[in-house]
Amino acid sequence: MAAHNELGKDGEDEAVRFLEGQGYRIRHRNWRSGRKELDIVAEHQGELVIVEVRTLRNQIYGTPEESISEAKIRRIVSSADAYVRKFRIDLPVRFDIISLTGIEKPLEIEHIINAFYPPMW
């Protein structure tokens, strides 16, 4: 596995441990519907929480959350819609970002709750 793929997988593993430690129930990891993917789908306090995980070695070129484009947000929202429809979920949906920075554990973790809202189409 390429080093950047390993770093991403390690970041997602850290994010799951972090969320579980905060009382989140993980429903799915890397859920796919066609070409759509959600990194982490969880439930917490009566909300469905869609978590985009971003892991970077350092912040020379910006923070992990700054790397999420408007197009990526639209894909995440579209994927979340597919997820809600497939599993017939009747909960409010929230979009979070967990950003991880570093190359050695423990990685620096930042959890951004309500990081973005679905764009008006």
PDB file of N, CA and C in Angstrom:
ATOM      1  N   MET A   1       0.853  -1.172   0.000  1.00  0.00           N
ATOM      2  CA  MET A   1       0.000   0.000   0.000  1.00  0.00           C
ATOM      3  C   MET A   1       0.900   1.236   0.000  1.00  0.00           C
ATOM      4  N   ALA A   2       0.546   2.226  -0.804  1.00  0.00           N
ATOM      5  CA  ALA A   2       1.330   3.456  -0.882  1.00  0.00           C
ATOM      6  C   ALA A   2       1.297   4.186   0.456  1.00  0.00           C
ATOM      7  N   ALA A   3       2.368   4.941   0.739  1.00  0.00           N
ATOM      8  CA  ALA A   3       2.497   5.626   2.033  1.00  0.00           C
ATOM      9  C   ALA A   3       1.326   6.558   2.296  1.00  0.00           C
ATOM     10  N   HIS A   4       0.859   7.296   1.257  1.00  0.00           N
ATOM     11  CA  HIS A   4      -0.257   8.225   1.495  1.00  0.00           C
ATOM     12  C   HIS A   4      -1.551   7.470   1.781  1.00  0.00           C
ATOM     13  N   ASN A   5      -1.730   6.284   1.180  1.00  0.00           N
ATOM     14  CA  ASN A   5      -2.915   5.476   1.480  1.00  0.00           C
ATOM     15  C   ASN A   5      -2.859   4.952   2.907  1.00  0.00           C
ATOM     16  N   GLU A   6      -1.664   4.561   3.355  1.00  0.00           N
ATOM     17  CA  GLU A   6      -1.508   4.101   4.742  1.00  0.00           C
ATOM     18  C   GLU A   6      -1.797   5.204   5.726  1.00  0.00           C
ATOM     19  N   LEU A   7      -1.298   6.399   5.422  1.00  0.00           N
ATOM     20  CA  LEU A   7      -1.545   7.536   6.301  1.00  0.00           C
ATOM     21  C   LEU A   7      -3.052   7.802   6.390  1.00  0.00           C
ATOM     22  N   GLY A   8      -3.744   7.738   5.258  1.00  0.00           N
ATOM     23  CA  GLY A   8      -5.191   7.944   5.254  1.00  0.00           C
ATOM     24  C   GLY A   8      -5.929   6.891   6.056  1.00  0.00           C
ATOM     25  N   LYS A   9      -5.537   5.625   5.910  1.00  0.00           N
ATOM     26  CA  LYS A   9      -6.178   4.556   6.672  1.00  0.00           C
ATOM     27  C   LYS A   9      -5.901   4.723   8.160  1.00  0.00           C
ATOM     28  N   ASP A  10      -4.651   5.043   8.511  1.00  0.00           N
ATOM     29  CA  ASP A  10      -4.325   5.286   9.919  1.00  0.00           C
ATOM     30  C   ASP A  10      -5.157   6.437  10.475  1.00  0.00           C
ATOM     31  N   GLY A  11      -5.336   7.482   9.673  1.00  0.00           N
ATOM     32  CA  GLY A  11      -6.141   8.625  10.093  1.00  0.00           C
ATOM     33  C   GLY A  11      -7.587   8.232  10.338  1.00  0.00           C
ATOM     34  N   GLU A  12      -8.157   7.422   9.450  1.00  0.00           N
ATOM     35  CA  GLU A  12      -9.537   6.980   9.646  1.00  0.00           C
ATOM     36  C   GLU A  12      -9.664   6.098  10.883  1.00  0.00           C
ATOM     37  N   ASP A  13      -8.676   5.233  11.103  1.00  0.00           N
ATOM     38  CA  ASP A  13      -8.707   4.399  12.313  1.00  0.00           C
ATOM     39  C   ASP A  13      -8.675   5.275  13.569  1.00  0.00           C
ATOM     40  N   GLU A  14      -7.819   6.286  13.578  1.00  0.00           N
ATOM     41  CA  GLU A  14      -7.735   7.216  14.720  1.00  0.00           C
ATOM     42  C   GLU A  14      -9.057   7.962  14.896  1.00  0.00           C
ATOM     43  N   ALA A  15      -9.659   8.387  13.776  1.00  0.00           N
ATOM     44  CA  ALA A  15     -10.923   9.125  13.836  1.00  0.00           C
ATOM     45  C   ALA A  15     -12.024   8.261  14.442  1.00  0.00           C
ATOM     46  N   VAL A  16     -12.087   6.996  14.055  1.00  0.00           N
ATOM     47  CA  VAL A  16     -13.097   6.085  14.611  1.00  0.00           C
ATOM     48  C   VAL A  16     -12.888   5.917  16.113  1.00  0.00           C
ATOM     49  N   ARG A  17     -11.645   5.696  16.532  1.00  0.00           N
ATOM     50  CA  ARG A  17     -11.374   5.556  17.981  1.00  0.00           C
ATOM     51  C   ARG A  17     -11.784   6.825  18.732  1.00  0.00           C
ATOM     52  N   PHE A  18     -11.471   7.973  18.143  1.00  0.00           N
ATOM     53  CA  PHE A  18     -11.824   9.241  18.766  1.00  0.00           C
ATOM     54  C   PHE A  18     -13.345   9.359  18.914  1.00  0.00           C
ATOM     55  N   LEU A  19     -14.075   9.093  17.829  1.00  0.00           N
ATOM     56  CA  LEU A  19     -15.535   9.208  17.869  1.00  0.00           C
ATOM     57  C   LEU A  19     -16.148   8.229  18.862  1.00  0.00           C
ATOM     58  N   GLU A  20     -15.684   6.996  18.845  1.00  0.00           N
ATOM     59  CA  GLU A  20     -16.220   6.011  19.791  1.00  0.00           C
ATOM     60  C   GLU A  20     -15.957   6.453  21.231  1.00  0.00           C
ATOM     61  N   GLY A  21     -14.815   7.056  21.466  1.00  0.00           N
ATOM     62  CA  GLY A  21     -14.495   7.567  22.800  1.00  0.00           C
ATOM     63  C   GLY A  21     -15.394   8.715  23.227  1.00  0.00           C
ATOM     64  N   GLN A  22     -15.995   9.385  22.237  1.00  0.00           N
ATOM     65  CA  GLN A  22     -16.915  10.485  22.516  1.00  0.00           C
ATOM     66  C   GLN A  22     -18.374  10.006  22.554  1.00  0.00           C
ATOM     67  N   GLY A  23     -18.594   8.706  22.440  1.00  0.00           N
ATOM     68  CA  GLY A  23     -19.944   8.159  22.538  1.00  0.00           C
ATOM     69  C   GLY A  23     -20.674   8.013  21.210  1.00  0.00           C
ATOM     70  N   TYR A  24     -19.983   8.147  20.104  1.00  0.00           N
ATOM     71  CA  TYR A  24     -20.612   7.969  18.794  1.00  0.00           C
ATOM     72  C   TYR A  24     -20.734   6.474  18.502  1.00  0.00           C
ATOM     73  N   ARG A  25     -21.817   6.101  17.833  1.00  0.00           N
ATOM     74  CA  ARG A  25     -21.992   4.721  17.369  1.00  0.00           C
ATOM     75  C   ARG A  25     -21.682   4.708  15.882  1.00  0.00           C
ATOM     76  N   ILE A  26     -20.678   3.965  15.497  1.00  0.00           N
ATOM     77  CA  ILE A  26     -20.265   3.905  14.095  1.00  0.00           C
ATOM     78  C   ILE A  26     -21.202   2.947  13.360  1.00  0.00           C
ATOM     79  N   ARG A  27     -21.852   3.455  12.319  1.00  0.00           N
ATOM     80  CA  ARG A  27     -22.738   2.631  11.491  1.00  0.00           C
ATOM     81  C   ARG A  27     -21.970   2.004  10.329  1.00  0.00           C
ATOM     82  N   HIS A  28     -21.167   2.800   9.660  1.00  0.00           N
ATOM     83  CA  HIS A  28     -20.403   2.314   8.505  1.00  0.00           C
ATOM     84  C   HIS A  28     -19.099   3.087   8.368  1.00  0.00           C
ATOM     85  N   ARG A  29     -18.119   2.406   7.790  1.00  0.00           N
ATOM     86  CA  ARG A  29     -16.861   3.035   7.382  1.00  0.00           C
ATOM     87  C   ARG A  29     -16.715   2.802   5.889  1.00  0.00           C
ATOM     88  N   ASN A  30     -16.283   3.826   5.178  1.00  0.00           N
ATOM     89  CA  ASN A  30     -16.061   3.729   3.744  1.00  0.00           C
ATOM     90  C   ASN A  30     -17.270   3.145   3.019  1.00  0.00           C
ATOM     91  N   TRP A  31     -18.443   3.663   3.360  1.00  0.00           N
ATOM     92  CA  TRP A  31     -19.680   3.198   2.728  1.00  0.00           C
ATOM     93  C   TRP A  31     -19.719   3.687   1.290  1.00  0.00           C
ATOM     94  N   ARG A  32     -20.048   2.785   0.381  1.00  0.00           N
ATOM     95  CA  ARG A  32     -20.075   3.119  -1.044  1.00  0.00           C
ATOM     96  C   ARG A  32     -21.436   2.849  -1.653  1.00  0.00           C
ATOM     97  N   SER A  33     -21.771   3.713  -2.583  1.00  0.00           N
ATOM     98  CA  SER A  33     -22.933   3.525  -3.447  1.00  0.00           C
ATOM     99  C   SER A  33     -22.475   3.959  -4.826  1.00  0.00           C
ATOM    100  N   GLY A  34     -22.147   2.994  -5.663  1.00  0.00           N
ATOM    101  CA  GLY A  34     -21.569   3.337  -6.960  1.00  0.00           C
ATOM    102  C   GLY A  34     -20.220   4.000  -6.753  1.00  0.00           C
ATOM    103  N   ARG A  35     -20.059   5.193  -7.302  1.00  0.00           N
ATOM    104  CA  ARG A  35     -18.795   5.921  -7.146  1.00  0.00           C
ATOM    105  C   ARG A  35     -18.810   6.840  -5.928  1.00  0.00           C
ATOM    106  N   LYS A  36     -19.928   6.865  -5.233  1.00  0.00           N
ATOM    107  CA  LYS A  36     -20.051   7.729  -4.055  1.00  0.00           C
ATOM    108  C   LYS A  36     -19.490   6.999  -2.837  1.00  0.00           C
ATOM    109  N   GLU A  37     -18.856   7.778  -1.951  1.00  0.00           N
ATOM    110  CA  GLU A  37     -18.304   7.177  -0.729  1.00  0.00           C
ATOM    111  C   GLU A  37     -18.418   8.141   0.440  1.00  0.00           C
ATOM    112  N   LEU A  38     -18.704   7.574   1.599  1.00  0.00           N
ATOM    113  CA  LEU A  38     -18.701   8.324   2.851  1.00  0.00           C
ATOM    114  C   LEU A  38     -17.640   7.692   3.747  1.00  0.00           C
ATOM    115  N   ASP A  39     -16.748   8.513   4.310  1.00  0.00           N
ATOM    116  CA  ASP A  39     -15.672   7.982   5.146  1.00  0.00           C
ATOM    117  C   ASP A  39     -16.222   7.290   6.385  1.00  0.00           C
ATOM    118  N   ILE A  40     -17.002   8.022   7.170  1.00  0.00           N
ATOM    119  CA  ILE A  40     -17.581   7.464   8.392  1.00  0.00           C
ATOM    120  C   ILE A  40     -19.024   7.936   8.495  1.00  0.00           C
ATOM    121  N   VAL A  41     -19.910   6.990   8.808  1.00  0.00           N
ATOM    122  CA  VAL A  41     -21.305   7.314   9.104  1.00  0.00           C
ATOM    123  C   VAL A  41     -21.544   6.866  10.537  1.00  0.00           C
ATOM    124  N   ALA A  42     -22.004   7.798  11.363  1.00  0.00           N
ATOM    125  CA  ALA A  42     -22.190   7.495  12.779  1.00  0.00           C
ATOM    126  C   ALA A  42     -23.516   8.068  13.260  1.00  0.00           C
ATOM    127  N   GLU A  43     -23.900   7.656  14.455  1.00  0.00           N
ATOM    128  CA  GLU A  43     -25.052   8.253  15.139  1.00  0.00           C
ATOM    129  C   GLU A  43     -24.571   8.808  16.463  1.00  0.00           C
ATOM    130  N   HIS A  44     -25.140   9.975  16.808  1.00  0.00           N
ATOM    131  CA  HIS A  44     -24.787  10.588  18.084  1.00  0.00           C
ATOM    132  C   HIS A  44     -25.910  11.510  18.511  1.00  0.00           C
ATOM    133  N   GLN A  45     -26.432  11.283  19.679  1.00  0.00           N
ATOM    134  CA  GLN A  45     -27.455  12.130  20.277  1.00  0.00           C
ATOM    135  C   GLN A  45     -28.607  12.414  19.317  1.00  0.00           C
ATOM    136  N   GLY A  46     -29.107  11.359  18.690  1.00  0.00           N
ATOM    137  CA  GLY A  46     -30.283  11.486  17.834  1.00  0.00           C
ATOM    138  C   GLY A  46     -30.022  12.095  16.469  1.00  0.00           C
ATOM    139  N   GLU A  47     -28.763  12.171  16.051  1.00  0.00           N
ATOM    140  CA  GLU A  47     -28.433  12.698  14.728  1.00  0.00           C
ATOM    141  C   GLU A  47     -27.622  11.667  13.953  1.00  0.00           C
ATOM    142  N   LEU A  48     -27.816  11.668  12.638  1.00  0.00           N
ATOM    143  CA  LEU A  48     -26.944  10.918  11.755  1.00  0.00           C
ATOM    144  C   LEU A  48     -25.782  11.848  11.430  1.00  0.00           C
ATOM    145  N   VAL A  49     -24.567  11.390  11.680  1.00  0.00           N
ATOM    146  CA  VAL A  49     -23.391  12.238  11.508  1.00  0.00           C
ATOM    147  C   VAL A  49     -22.529  11.659  10.385  1.00  0.00           C
ATOM    148  N   ILE A  50     -22.368  12.456   9.342  1.00  0.00           N
ATOM    149  CA  ILE A  50     -21.517  12.097   8.215  1.00  0.00           C
ATOM    150  C   ILE A  50     -20.168  12.770   8.466  1.00  0.00           C
ATOM    151  N   VAL A  51     -19.110  11.963   8.542  1.00  0.00           N
ATOM    152  CA  VAL A  51     -17.796  12.498   8.896  1.00  0.00           C
ATOM    153  C   VAL A  51     -16.827  12.322   7.735  1.00  0.00           C
ATOM    154  N   GLU A  52     -16.312  13.435   7.253  1.00  0.00           N
ATOM    155  CA  GLU A  52     -15.243  13.426   6.255  1.00  0.00           C
ATOM    156  C   GLU A  52     -13.927  13.483   7.018  1.00  0.00           C
ATOM    157  N   VAL A  53     -13.041  12.541   6.737  1.00  0.00           N
ATOM    158  CA  VAL A  53     -11.760  12.464   7.437  1.00  0.00           C
ATOM    159  C   VAL A  53     -10.665  12.957   6.497  1.00  0.00           C
ATOM    160  N   ARG A  54      -9.850  13.872   6.994  1.00  0.00           N
ATOM    161  CA  ARG A  54      -8.723  14.405   6.230  1.00  0.00           C
ATOM    162  C   ARG A  54      -7.461  14.242   7.055  1.00  0.00           C
ATOM    163  N   THR A  55      -6.465  13.598   6.473  1.00  0.00           N
ATOM    164  CA  THR A  55      -5.209  13.365   7.168  1.00  0.00           C
ATOM    165  C   THR A  55      -4.066  13.913   6.330  1.00  0.00           C
ATOM    166  N   LEU A  56      -3.238  14.730   6.930  1.00  0.00           N
ATOM    167  CA  LEU A  56      -2.070  15.298   6.260  1.00  0.00           C
ATOM    168  C   LEU A  56      -0.838  15.109   7.136  1.00  0.00           C
ATOM    169  N   ARG A  57       0.307  15.013   6.506  1.00  0.00           N
ATOM    170  CA  ARG A  57       1.567  14.888   7.243  1.00  0.00           C
ATOM    171  C   ARG A  57       1.896  16.182   7.991  1.00  0.00           C
ATOM    172  N   ASN A  58       1.606  17.311   7.331  1.00  0.00           N
ATOM    173  CA  ASN A  58       1.880  18.615   7.934  1.00  0.00           C
ATOM    174  C   ASN A  58       0.919  19.628   7.314  1.00  0.00           C
ATOM    175  N   GLN A  59       1.005  20.865   7.755  1.00  0.00           N
ATOM    176  CA  GLN A  59       0.090  21.890   7.262  1.00  0.00           C
ATOM    177  C   GLN A  59       0.804  22.934   6.409  1.00  0.00           C
ATOM    178  N   ILE A  60       1.865  22.521   5.740  1.00  0.00           N
ATOM    179  CA  ILE A  60       2.617  23.452   4.890  1.00  0.00           C
ATOM    180  C   ILE A  60       1.705  24.068   3.828  1.00  0.00           C
ATOM    181  N   TYR A  61       0.832  23.256   3.237  1.00  0.00           N
ATOM    182  CA  TYR A  61      -0.032  23.734   2.154  1.00  0.00           C
ATOM    183  C   TYR A  61      -1.455  24.021   2.622  1.00  0.00           C
ATOM    184  N   GLY A  62      -1.656  24.123   3.923  1.00  0.00           N
ATOM    185  CA  GLY A  62      -2.982  24.412   4.463  1.00  0.00           C
ATOM    186  C   GLY A  62      -3.440  23.286   5.370  1.00  0.00           C
ATOM    187  N   THR A  63      -4.548  23.528   6.016  1.00  0.00           N
ATOM    188  CA  THR A  63      -5.095  22.549   6.948  1.00  0.00           C
ATOM    189  C   THR A  63      -5.873  21.478   6.184  1.00  0.00           C
ATOM    190  N   PRO A  64      -6.067  20.320   6.796  1.00  0.00           N
ATOM    191  CA  PRO A  64      -6.834  19.275   6.112  1.00  0.00           C
ATOM    192  C   PRO A  64      -8.233  19.730   5.703  1.00  0.00           C
ATOM    193  N   GLU A  65      -8.890  20.472   6.572  1.00  0.00           N
ATOM    194  CA  GLU A  65     -10.256  20.894   6.237  1.00  0.00           C
ATOM    195  C   GLU A  65     -10.288  21.885   5.079  1.00  0.00           C
ATOM    196  N   GLU A  66      -9.206  22.622   4.873  1.00  0.00           N
ATOM    197  CA  GLU A  66      -9.152  23.550   3.741  1.00  0.00           C
ATOM    198  C   GLU A  66      -9.053  22.826   2.403  1.00  0.00           C
ATOM    199  N   SER A  67      -8.726  21.533   2.449  1.00  0.00           N
ATOM    200  CA  SER A  67      -8.581  20.763   1.213  1.00  0.00           C
ATOM    201  C   SER A  67      -9.913  20.247   0.681  1.00  0.00           C
ATOM    202  N   ILE A  68     -11.009  20.556   1.344  1.00  0.00           N
ATOM    203  CA  ILE A  68     -12.321  20.077   0.904  1.00  0.00           C
ATOM    204  C   ILE A  68     -12.976  21.151   0.038  1.00  0.00           C
ATOM    205  N   SER A  69     -13.084  20.854  -1.240  1.00  0.00           N
ATOM    206  CA  SER A  69     -13.637  21.802  -2.215  1.00  0.00           C
ATOM    207  C   SER A  69     -15.161  21.797  -2.180  1.00  0.00           C
ATOM    208  N   GLU A  70     -15.746  22.781  -2.841  1.00  0.00           N
ATOM    209  CA  GLU A  70     -17.211  22.822  -2.957  1.00  0.00           C
ATOM    210  C   GLU A  70     -17.720  21.605  -3.711  1.00  0.00           C
ATOM    211  N   ALA A  71     -16.975  21.169  -4.718  1.00  0.00           N
ATOM    212  CA  ALA A  71     -17.379  19.974  -5.474  1.00  0.00           C
ATOM    213  C   ALA A  71     -17.378  18.747  -4.556  1.00  0.00           C
ATOM    214  N   LYS A  72     -16.375  18.633  -3.692  1.00  0.00           N
ATOM    215  CA  LYS A  72     -16.313  17.515  -2.751  1.00  0.00           C
ATOM    216  C   LYS A  72     -17.490  17.572  -1.781  1.00  0.00           C
ATOM    217  N   ILE A  73     -17.828  18.761  -1.317  1.00  0.00           N
ATOM    218  CA  ILE A  73     -18.983  18.914  -0.423  1.00  0.00           C
ATOM    219  C   ILE A  73     -20.250  18.443  -1.121  1.00  0.00           C
ATOM    220  N   ARG A  74     -20.431  18.814  -2.388  1.00  0.00           N
ATOM    221  CA  ARG A  74     -21.616  18.369  -3.132  1.00  0.00           C
ATOM    222  C   ARG A  74     -21.649  16.839  -3.244  1.00  0.00           C
ATOM    223  N   ARG A  75     -20.490  16.210  -3.471  1.00  0.00           N
ATOM    224  CA  ARG A  75     -20.442  14.737  -3.562  1.00  0.00           C
ATOM    225  C   ARG A  75     -20.772  14.096  -2.214  1.00  0.00           C
ATOM    226  N   ILE A  76     -20.268  14.674  -1.137  1.00  0.00           N
ATOM    227  CA  ILE A  76     -20.566  14.135   0.198  1.00  0.00           C
ATOM    228  C   ILE A  76     -22.065  14.235   0.480  1.00  0.00           C
ATOM    229  N   VAL A  77     -22.653  15.382   0.179  1.00  0.00           N
ATOM    230  CA  VAL A  77     -24.082  15.585   0.426  1.00  0.00           C
ATOM    231  C   VAL A  77     -24.906  14.621  -0.428  1.00  0.00           C
ATOM    232  N   SER A  78     -24.518  14.445  -1.677  1.00  0.00           N
ATOM    233  CA  SER A  78     -25.221  13.512  -2.559  1.00  0.00           C
ATOM    234  C   SER A  78     -25.102  12.077  -2.039  1.00  0.00           C
ATOM    235  N   SER A  79     -23.932  11.715  -1.554  1.00  0.00           N
ATOM    236  CA  SER A  79     -23.724  10.381  -0.990  1.00  0.00           C
ATOM    237  C   SER A  79     -24.565  10.192   0.271  1.00  0.00           C
ATOM    238  N   ALA A  80     -24.626  11.220   1.095  1.00  0.00           N
ATOM    239  CA  ALA A  80     -25.429  11.158   2.320  1.00  0.00           C
ATOM    240  C   ALA A  80     -26.904  10.977   1.973  1.00  0.00           C
ATOM    241  N   ASP A  81     -27.357  11.660   0.933  1.00  0.00           N
ATOM    242  CA  ASP A  81     -28.744  11.511   0.489  1.00  0.00           C
ATOM    243  C   ASP A  81     -29.004  10.071   0.052  1.00  0.00           C
ATOM    244  N   ALA A  82     -28.079   9.482  -0.704  1.00  0.00           N
ATOM    245  CA  ALA A  82     -28.219   8.084  -1.127  1.00  0.00           C
ATOM    246  C   ALA A  82     -28.262   7.158   0.090  1.00  0.00           C
ATOM    247  N   TYR A  83     -27.434   7.436   1.082  1.00  0.00           N
ATOM    248  CA  TYR A  83     -27.381   6.621   2.297  1.00  0.00           C
ATOM    249  C   TYR A  83     -28.718   6.690   3.051  1.00  0.00           C
ATOM    250  N   VAL A  84     -29.202   7.906   3.248  1.00  0.00           N
ATOM    251  CA  VAL A  84     -30.461   8.096   3.985  1.00  0.00           C
ATOM    252  C   VAL A  84     -31.609   7.384   3.275  1.00  0.00           C
ATOM    253  N   ARG A  85     -31.644   7.481   1.957  1.00  0.00           N
ATOM    254  CA  ARG A  85     -32.710   6.822   1.191  1.00  0.00           C
ATOM    255  C   ARG A  85     -32.589   5.294   1.274  1.00  0.00           C
ATOM    256  N   LYS A  86     -31.372   4.786   1.097  1.00  0.00           N
ATOM    257  CA  LYS A  86     -31.171   3.330   1.105  1.00  0.00           C
ATOM    258  C   LYS A  86     -31.583   2.715   2.435  1.00  0.00           C
ATOM    259  N   PHE A  87     -31.207   3.345   3.531  1.00  0.00           N
ATOM    260  CA  PHE A  87     -31.477   2.787   4.851  1.00  0.00           C
ATOM    261  C   PHE A  87     -32.726   3.384   5.508  1.00  0.00           C
ATOM    262  N   ARG A  88     -33.441   4.220   4.751  1.00  0.00           N
ATOM    263  CA  ARG A  88     -34.700   4.830   5.233  1.00  0.00           C
ATOM    264  C   ARG A  88     -34.540   5.436   6.620  1.00  0.00           C
ATOM    265  N   ILE A  89     -33.586   6.322   6.719  1.00  0.00           N
ATOM    266  CA  ILE A  89     -33.258   6.947   8.002  1.00  0.00           C
ATOM    267  C   ILE A  89     -34.086   8.215   8.177  1.00  0.00           C
ATOM    268  N   ASP A  90     -34.670   8.334   9.354  1.00  0.00           N
ATOM    269  CA  ASP A  90     -35.482   9.503   9.682  1.00  0.00           C
ATOM    270  C   ASP A  90     -34.854  10.230  10.871  1.00  0.00           C
ATOM    271  N   LEU A  91     -33.647  10.750  10.647  1.00  0.00           N
ATOM    272  CA  LEU A  91     -32.927  11.511  11.661  1.00  0.00           C
ATOM    273  C   LEU A  91     -32.375  12.777  11.014  1.00  0.00           C
ATOM    274  N   PRO A  92     -32.177  13.822  11.795  1.00  0.00           N
ATOM    275  CA  PRO A  92     -31.474  14.984  11.250  1.00  0.00           C
ATOM    276  C   PRO A  92     -30.055  14.559  10.863  1.00  0.00           C
ATOM    277  N   VAL A  93     -29.530  15.163   9.805  1.00  0.00           N
ATOM    278  CA  VAL A  93     -28.195  14.828   9.315  1.00  0.00           C
ATOM    279  C   VAL A  93     -27.260  15.994   9.572  1.00  0.00           C
ATOM    280  N   ARG A  94     -26.078  15.661  10.053  1.00  0.00           N
ATOM    281  CA  ARG A  94     -25.056  16.662  10.334  1.00  0.00           C
ATOM    282  C   ARG A  94     -23.776  16.259   9.605  1.00  0.00           C
ATOM    283  N   PHE A  95     -23.036  17.257   9.134  1.00  0.00           N
ATOM    284  CA  PHE A  95     -21.796  17.008   8.407  1.00  0.00           C
ATOM    285  C   PHE A  95     -20.621  17.545   9.219  1.00  0.00           C
ATOM    286  N   ASP A  96     -19.736  16.638   9.621  1.00  0.00           N
ATOM    287  CA  ASP A  96     -18.561  16.990  10.407  1.00  0.00           C
ATOM    288  C   ASP A  96     -17.298  16.701   9.606  1.00  0.00           C
ATOM    289  N   ILE A  97     -16.215  17.293  10.045  1.00  0.00           N
ATOM    290  CA  ILE A  97     -14.895  16.978   9.511  1.00  0.00           C
ATOM    291  C   ILE A  97     -14.012  16.622  10.696  1.00  0.00           C
ATOM    292  N   ILE A  98     -13.262  15.565  10.542  1.00  0.00           N
ATOM    293  CA  ILE A  98     -12.190  15.281  11.489  1.00  0.00           C
ATOM    294  C   ILE A  98     -10.898  15.441  10.710  1.00  0.00           C
ATOM    295  N   SER A  99     -10.073  16.377  11.173  1.00  0.00           N
ATOM    296  CA  SER A  99      -8.784  16.578  10.521  1.00  0.00           C
ATOM    297  C   SER A  99      -7.696  16.051  11.432  1.00  0.00           C
ATOM    298  N   LEU A 100      -6.765  15.337  10.824  1.00  0.00           N
ATOM    299  CA  LEU A 100      -5.640  14.761  11.548  1.00  0.00           C
ATOM    300  C   LEU A 100      -4.365  15.227  10.876  1.00  0.00           C
ATOM    301  N   THR A 101      -3.405  15.609  11.691  1.00  0.00           N
ATOM    302  CA  THR A 101      -2.133  16.092  11.167  1.00  0.00           C
ATOM    303  C   THR A 101      -1.001  15.394  11.895  1.00  0.00           C
ATOM    304  N   GLY A 102      -0.004  14.960  11.132  1.00  0.00           N
ATOM    305  CA  GLY A 102       1.189  14.357  11.703  1.00  0.00           C
ATOM    306  C   GLY A 102       1.578  13.087  10.981  1.00  0.00           C
ATOM    307  N   ILE A 103       2.724  12.542  11.354  1.00  0.00           N
ATOM    308  CA  ILE A 103       3.165  11.278  10.765  1.00  0.00           C
ATOM    309  C   ILE A 103       3.412  10.218  11.826  1.00  0.00           C
ATOM    310  N   GLU A 104       3.492  10.642  13.076  1.00  0.00           N
ATOM    311  CA  GLU A 104       3.681   9.688  14.168  1.00  0.00           C
ATOM    312  C   GLU A 104       2.507   9.789  15.134  1.00  0.00           C
ATOM    313  N   LYS A 105       2.118   8.645  15.677  1.00  0.00           N
ATOM    314  CA  LYS A 105       1.019   8.645  16.631  1.00  0.00           C
ATOM    315  C   LYS A 105       1.512   9.168  17.965  1.00  0.00           C
ATOM    316  N   PRO A 106       0.690   9.876  18.689  1.00  0.00           N
ATOM    317  CA  PRO A 106      -0.684  10.223  18.338  1.00  0.00           C
ATOM    318  C   PRO A 106      -0.728  11.396  17.360  1.00  0.00           C
ATOM    319  N   LEU A 107      -1.620  11.297  16.382  1.00  0.00           N
ATOM    320  CA  LEU A 107      -1.815  12.386  15.433  1.00  0.00           C
ATOM    321  C   LEU A 107      -2.594  13.504  16.112  1.00  0.00           C
ATOM    322  N   GLU A 108      -2.381  14.727  15.655  1.00  0.00           N
ATOM    323  CA  GLU A 108      -3.152  15.860  16.172  1.00  0.00           C
ATOM    324  C   GLU A 108      -4.543  15.785  15.553  1.00  0.00           C
ATOM    325  N   ILE A 109      -5.575  15.768  16.396  1.00  0.00           N
ATOM    326  CA  ILE A 109      -6.953  15.597  15.928  1.00  0.00           C
ATOM    327  C   ILE A 109      -7.760  16.854  16.220  1.00  0.00           C
ATOM    328  N   GLU A 110      -8.514  17.283  15.213  1.00  0.00           N
ATOM    329  CA  GLU A 110      -9.479  18.363  15.394  1.00  0.00           C
ATOM    330  C   GLU A 110     -10.811  17.893  14.842  1.00  0.00           C
ATOM    331  N   HIS A 111     -11.863  17.982  15.657  1.00  0.00           N
ATOM    332  CA  HIS A 111     -13.212  17.589  15.250  1.00  0.00           C
ATOM    333  C   HIS A 111     -14.019  18.852  15.034  1.00  0.00           C
ATOM    334  N   ILE A 112     -14.424  19.069  13.800  1.00  0.00           N
ATOM    335  CA  ILE A 112     -15.217  20.251  13.455  1.00  0.00           C
ATOM    336  C   ILE A 112     -16.656  19.798  13.281  1.00  0.00           C
ATOM    337  N   ILE A 113     -17.481  20.145  14.245  1.00  0.00           N
ATOM    338  CA  ILE A 113     -18.900  19.778  14.227  1.00  0.00           C
ATOM    339  C   ILE A 113     -19.641  20.790  13.362  1.00  0.00           C
ATOM    340  N   ASN A 114     -20.597  20.293  12.553  1.00  0.00           N
ATOM    341  CA  ASN A 114     -21.330  21.156  11.608  1.00  0.00           C
ATOM    342  C   ASN A 114     -20.349  21.928  10.726  1.00  0.00           C
ATOM    343  N   ALA A 115     -19.397  21.200  10.153  1.00  0.00           N
ATOM    344  CA  ALA A 115     -18.339  21.829   9.347  1.00  0.00           C
ATOM    345  C   ALA A 115     -18.881  22.508   8.105  1.00  0.00           C
ATOM    346  N   PHE A 116     -19.964  21.951   7.555  1.00  0.00           N
ATOM    347  CA  PHE A 116     -20.595  22.564   6.388  1.00  0.00           C
ATOM    348  C   PHE A 116     -22.055  22.136   6.342  1.00  0.00           C
ATOM    349  N   TYR A 117     -22.813  22.855   5.567  1.00  0.00           N
ATOM    350  CA  TYR A 117     -24.227  22.574   5.378  1.00  0.00           C
ATOM    351  C   TYR A 117     -24.453  22.252   3.907  1.00  0.00           C
ATOM    352  N   PRO A 118     -25.493  21.483   3.597  1.00  0.00           N
ATOM    353  CA  PRO A 118     -25.768  21.180   2.195  1.00  0.00           C
ATOM    354  C   PRO A 118     -25.973  22.480   1.409  1.00  0.00           C
ATOM    355  N   PRO A 119     -25.349  22.575   0.231  1.00  0.00           N
ATOM    356  CA  PRO A 119     -25.514  23.787  -0.563  1.00  0.00           C
ATOM    357  C   PRO A 119     -26.946  23.873  -1.115  1.00  0.00           C
ATOM    358  N   MET A 120     -27.370  25.069  -1.359  1.00  0.00           N
ATOM    359  CA  MET A 120     -28.676  25.284  -1.987  1.00  0.00           C
ATOM    360  C   MET A 120     -28.517  24.976  -3.468  1.00  0.00           C
ATOM    361  N   TRP A 121     -29.304  24.069  -4.011  1.00  0.00           N
ATOM    362  CA  TRP A 121     -29.142  23.644  -5.410  1.00  0.00           C
ATOM    363  C   TRP A 121     -30.081  24.368  -6.293  1.00  0.00           C
TER     364      TRP A 121
END
